[in-house]
């Protein structure tokens, strides 16, 4: 599925769009594919990054959708990095993605509008009301909530929106924990500074976020790849955190 999104990015938006490939949107494709079980094709191709043997990739409409959302989120992430840290490489990449993003925006106006508005409000909070950490976390959840809703008229749209919201909150706080030292060094915004919590003290908050997402997942009629999604939600999302912080809260009192 990861290779499928990479293949879709190349076909729809050109080679350079592949640099935005990430596991978050691969999980989106996996999740929606497991829920809706669309028609899909399986094929092989020779990948320039792994040239020694053929790679198998899947293709379906939710993989294409995940590729579209990958471009949208990457475009705004680049703009955010430029605004926060003045990274010229990110500004340059945003300009390369801009035309591609406009194609996505024309196709998925609701999702793109929500991403844009959520990030604009989040930037305002980070700059002018940094102590309002709950609002910052919720805006990150709101941004991802609409991404998980492929069709807002679908029967499962409310559950998917709640799932995306909770997962977005989790990802925002997890990123804050993992980037804590870097943000302190570079004087970037980090909600944990204002929550007066160290990364190793956030496990309870993170658990509450991912638990809501897991509860919504358990309500959905997912059978295909159910075990894989469950492994991600109950274990995979914690791997880096546990490797870096598990035990520190007891060692340091």
Protein backbone atom coordinates (compact mmCIF):
# COMPACT_ATOMS: atom_id res chain seq x y z
CA UNK A 1 0.00 0.00 0.00
CA UNK A 2 2.94 2.32 0.77
CA UNK A 3 4.33 1.56 -2.68
CA UNK A 4 0.85 2.13 -4.12
CA UNK A 5 0.71 5.68 -2.76
CA UNK A 6 4.24 6.33 -4.03
CA UNK A 7 3.18 5.07 -7.46
CA UNK A 8 0.02 7.19 -7.37
CA UNK A 9 1.98 10.30 -6.42
CA UNK A 10 4.30 9.82 -9.37
CA UNK A 11 1.51 9.20 -11.85
CA UNK A 12 -0.73 12.03 -10.65
CA UNK A 13 1.75 14.70 -9.57
CA UNK A 14 5.21 13.86 -10.90
CA UNK A 15 8.40 12.46 -9.44
CA UNK A 16 9.11 15.29 -6.99
CA UNK A 17 5.83 14.73 -5.16
CA UNK A 18 7.19 11.40 -3.94
CA UNK A 19 9.37 13.24 -1.42
CA UNK A 20 6.18 13.94 0.56
CA UNK A 21 5.37 10.24 1.01
CA UNK A 22 4.71 9.37 4.67
CA UNK A 23 3.30 6.61 6.85
CA UNK A 24 0.44 8.69 8.27
CA UNK A 25 -1.30 8.85 4.89
CA UNK A 26 -0.41 5.21 4.23
CA UNK A 27 -2.39 4.42 7.37
CA UNK A 28 -5.26 6.54 5.99
CA UNK A 29 -5.26 4.44 2.80
CA UNK A 30 -5.10 1.20 4.80
CA UNK A 31 -7.94 2.31 7.08
CA UNK A 32 -10.35 3.44 4.37
CA UNK A 33 -9.54 0.45 2.17
CA UNK A 34 -10.25 -1.93 5.05
CA UNK A 35 -13.55 -0.19 5.82
CA UNK A 36 -14.95 0.13 2.29
CA UNK A 37 -13.23 -2.81 0.54
CA UNK A 38 -13.09 -1.16 -2.92
CA UNK A 39 -12.07 -2.84 -6.14
CA UNK A 40 -8.32 -2.84 -6.38
CA UNK A 41 -5.52 -3.88 -8.67
CA UNK A 42 -2.21 -5.46 -7.76
CA UNK A 43 0.84 -5.05 -9.98
CA UNK A 44 4.62 -5.12 -9.90
CA UNK A 45 7.18 -2.57 -10.97
CA UNK A 46 10.88 -1.91 -10.64
CA UNK A 47 11.50 0.83 -8.06
CA UNK A 48 14.57 3.06 -8.59
CA UNK A 49 15.08 3.22 -4.80
CA UNK A 50 14.99 -0.60 -4.51
CA UNK A 51 16.23 -1.72 -7.94
CA UNK A 52 17.29 -5.29 -7.15
CA UNK A 53 13.84 -6.84 -7.28
CA UNK A 54 10.33 -5.99 -8.37
CA UNK A 55 8.03 -4.32 -5.86
CA UNK A 56 4.35 -5.15 -5.50
CA UNK A 57 1.93 -2.26 -5.23
CA UNK A 58 -1.82 -1.93 -4.79
CA UNK A 59 -4.09 0.56 -6.47
CA UNK A 60 -7.60 1.66 -5.54
CA UNK A 61 -9.48 4.94 -5.19
CA UNK A 62 -8.59 5.36 -1.51
CA UNK A 63 -4.91 4.99 -2.30
CA UNK A 64 -5.32 7.79 -4.85
CA UNK A 65 -7.18 9.78 -2.20
CA UNK A 66 -4.35 9.26 0.28
CA UNK A 67 -1.90 10.50 -2.36
CA UNK A 68 -4.05 13.62 -2.83
CA UNK A 69 -4.14 14.29 0.92
CA UNK A 70 -0.39 13.68 1.07
CA UNK A 71 0.14 16.55 -1.38
CA UNK A 72 -2.27 18.85 0.46
CA UNK A 73 -0.72 18.27 3.87
CA UNK A 74 2.84 18.46 2.53
CA UNK A 75 2.11 21.78 0.85
CA UNK A 76 0.89 23.37 4.08
CA UNK A 77 3.62 21.72 6.15
CA UNK A 78 6.21 23.33 3.90
CA UNK A 79 4.59 26.74 4.28
CA UNK A 80 4.48 26.24 8.05
CA UNK A 81 8.16 25.28 8.19
CA UNK A 82 9.03 28.36 6.17
CA UNK A 83 6.98 30.60 8.45
CA UNK A 84 8.40 29.11 11.66
CA UNK A 85 12.01 28.39 10.78
CA UNK A 86 12.60 30.18 7.46
CA UNK A 87 13.76 26.98 5.79
CA UNK A 88 14.35 27.97 2.18
CA UNK A 89 14.29 24.37 1.00
CA UNK A 90 10.76 24.04 2.37
CA UNK A 91 9.66 27.25 0.68
CA UNK A 92 11.10 26.01 -2.60
CA UNK A 93 9.32 22.67 -2.26
CA UNK A 94 6.03 24.41 -1.47
CA UNK A 95 6.33 26.33 -4.72
CA UNK A 96 6.93 23.08 -6.59
CA UNK A 97 3.84 21.59 -4.95
CA UNK A 98 1.58 24.62 -5.33
CA UNK A 99 0.21 23.78 -8.76
CA UNK A 100 -0.33 20.16 -7.68
CA UNK A 101 -2.06 21.33 -4.53
CA UNK A 102 -4.49 23.47 -6.56
CA UNK A 103 -5.54 20.30 -8.39
CA UNK A 104 -6.21 18.58 -5.07
CA UNK A 105 -8.08 21.63 -3.74
CA UNK A 106 -10.37 21.68 -6.77
CA UNK A 107 -11.19 18.02 -6.19
CA UNK A 108 -11.51 18.07 -2.38
CA UNK A 109 -12.53 21.58 -1.40
CA UNK A 110 -13.97 20.59 2.00
CA UNK A 111 -10.85 18.79 3.18
CA UNK A 112 -8.45 21.45 1.91
CA UNK A 113 -10.49 24.29 3.38
CA UNK A 114 -10.49 22.55 6.75
CA UNK A 115 -6.73 21.95 6.62
CA UNK A 116 -6.08 25.60 5.71
CA UNK A 117 -8.41 27.07 8.33
CA UNK A 118 -7.19 24.75 11.09
CA UNK A 119 -3.55 25.55 10.41
CA UNK A 120 -4.22 29.29 10.22
CA UNK A 121 -5.96 29.21 13.61
CA UNK A 122 -3.24 26.98 15.02
CA UNK A 123 -0.59 29.49 13.93
CA UNK A 124 -2.53 32.25 15.68
CA UNK A 125 -2.69 30.26 18.91
CA UNK A 126 1.01 29.39 18.78
CA UNK A 127 2.00 33.03 18.22
CA UNK A 128 -0.50 34.98 20.31
CA UNK A 129 -2.01 32.59 22.88
CA UNK A 130 0.58 29.83 23.41
CA UNK A 131 -0.81 28.97 26.84
CA UNK A 132 -4.06 27.78 25.22
CA UNK A 133 -2.66 24.32 24.66
CA UNK A 134 -6.05 22.57 24.57
CA UNK A 135 -7.08 24.73 21.64
CA UNK A 136 -3.82 24.02 19.82
CA UNK A 137 -4.21 20.26 20.30
CA UNK A 138 -7.86 20.34 19.24
CA UNK A 139 -7.08 22.31 16.08
CA UNK A 140 -4.59 19.66 15.08
CA UNK A 141 -7.32 17.09 15.61
CA UNK A 142 -9.79 19.12 13.60
CA UNK A 143 -7.33 19.34 10.71
CA UNK A 144 -7.12 15.56 10.42
CA UNK A 145 -10.79 14.90 11.16
CA UNK A 146 -12.02 15.87 7.70
CA UNK A 147 -9.14 14.08 5.99
CA UNK A 148 -10.52 10.75 7.26
CA UNK A 149 -13.97 11.57 5.84
CA UNK A 150 -13.81 10.70 2.16
CA UNK A 151 -17.54 11.24 1.65
CA UNK A 152 -19.34 13.37 4.26
CA UNK A 153 -22.70 11.81 3.27
CA UNK A 154 -21.46 8.33 4.04
CA UNK A 155 -23.07 6.42 6.93
CA UNK A 156 -19.73 6.14 8.75
CA UNK A 157 -18.68 9.78 8.34
CA UNK A 158 -19.32 10.76 11.98
CA UNK A 159 -17.27 7.86 13.32
CA UNK A 160 -14.48 8.58 10.86
CA UNK A 161 -14.49 12.26 11.82
CA UNK A 162 -14.20 11.38 15.52
CA UNK A 163 -11.46 8.87 14.74
CA UNK A 164 -9.46 11.41 12.73
CA UNK A 165 -9.93 14.08 15.38
CA UNK A 166 -8.58 11.87 18.16
CA UNK A 167 -5.73 10.57 16.03
CA UNK A 168 -4.79 14.13 15.04
CA UNK A 169 -4.63 15.16 18.70
CA UNK A 170 -2.45 12.14 19.44
CA UNK A 171 -0.05 12.87 16.56
CA UNK A 172 0.31 16.53 17.58
CA UNK A 173 1.16 15.66 21.17
CA UNK A 174 3.41 12.78 20.15
CA UNK A 175 5.34 15.08 17.82
CA UNK A 176 5.61 17.59 20.68
CA UNK A 177 7.09 14.90 22.93
CA UNK A 178 9.54 13.65 20.30
CA UNK A 179 10.64 17.19 19.32
CA UNK A 180 10.85 18.55 22.86
CA UNK A 181 14.61 19.03 23.03
CA UNK A 182 14.89 20.34 19.48
CA UNK A 183 12.08 22.83 20.04
CA UNK A 184 13.69 24.00 23.28
CA UNK A 185 17.01 24.48 21.51
CA UNK A 186 15.52 26.32 18.53
CA UNK A 187 12.94 28.20 20.63
CA UNK A 188 10.06 26.76 18.62
CA UNK A 189 6.55 26.49 19.99
CA UNK A 190 5.81 23.30 21.87
CA UNK A 191 2.59 22.82 23.88
CA UNK A 192 4.41 20.78 26.52
CA UNK A 193 6.35 23.88 27.59
CA UNK A 194 3.09 25.56 28.58
CA UNK A 195 1.58 22.38 29.99
CA UNK A 196 4.67 22.22 32.20
CA UNK A 197 5.21 18.59 31.31
CA UNK A 198 8.28 16.71 30.22
CA UNK A 199 7.91 14.23 27.33
CA UNK A 200 8.15 11.24 29.64
CA UNK A 201 5.20 12.61 31.64
CA UNK A 202 2.75 12.68 28.71
CA UNK A 203 1.93 8.97 28.40
CA UNK A 204 -1.40 9.31 30.23
CA UNK A 205 -2.56 12.18 28.00
CA UNK A 206 -1.44 10.37 24.87
CA UNK A 207 -3.24 7.22 26.00
CA UNK A 208 -6.50 9.12 26.45
CA UNK A 209 -6.23 10.47 22.88
CA UNK A 210 -5.45 7.18 21.17
CA UNK A 211 -8.06 5.37 23.30
CA UNK A 212 -10.84 7.47 21.81
CA UNK A 213 -9.56 6.66 18.31
CA UNK A 214 -9.37 2.97 19.20
CA UNK A 215 -12.93 3.02 20.54
CA UNK A 216 -14.21 4.48 17.27
CA UNK A 217 -12.23 1.89 15.30
CA UNK A 218 -13.83 -0.93 17.29
CA UNK A 219 -17.31 0.35 16.30
CA UNK A 220 -16.57 0.10 12.58
CA UNK A 221 -17.29 -3.08 10.56
CA UNK A 222 -13.67 -3.62 9.60
CA UNK A 223 -12.60 -7.18 8.87
CA UNK A 224 -9.94 -6.89 6.17
CA UNK A 225 -6.56 -6.03 7.75
CA UNK A 226 -8.27 -5.60 11.11
CA UNK A 227 -5.29 -7.18 12.88
CA UNK A 228 -2.84 -4.85 11.16
CA UNK A 229 -4.80 -1.70 12.04
CA UNK A 230 -5.21 -2.90 15.61
CA UNK A 231 -1.46 -3.52 15.86
CA UNK A 232 -0.79 0.04 14.70
CA UNK A 233 -3.28 1.64 17.11
CA UNK A 234 -2.38 -0.43 20.15
CA UNK A 235 1.33 -0.83 19.58
CA UNK A 236 2.92 0.70 16.51
CA UNK A 237 2.12 4.33 17.34
CA UNK A 238 4.01 3.94 20.63
CA UNK A 239 7.25 2.37 19.41
CA UNK A 240 9.42 5.50 19.18
CA UNK A 241 7.98 6.95 22.37
CA UNK A 242 8.64 3.82 24.41
CA UNK A 243 12.13 3.47 22.97
CA UNK A 244 12.98 7.02 23.93
CA UNK A 245 11.07 7.66 27.16
CA UNK A 246 9.79 4.46 28.78
CA UNK A 247 11.27 4.24 32.25
CA UNK A 248 12.54 7.82 32.45
CA UNK A 249 9.61 8.95 34.57
CA UNK A 250 10.59 6.42 37.24
CA UNK A 251 14.37 6.83 36.95
CA UNK A 252 14.13 10.58 37.41
CA UNK A 253 11.28 10.59 39.91
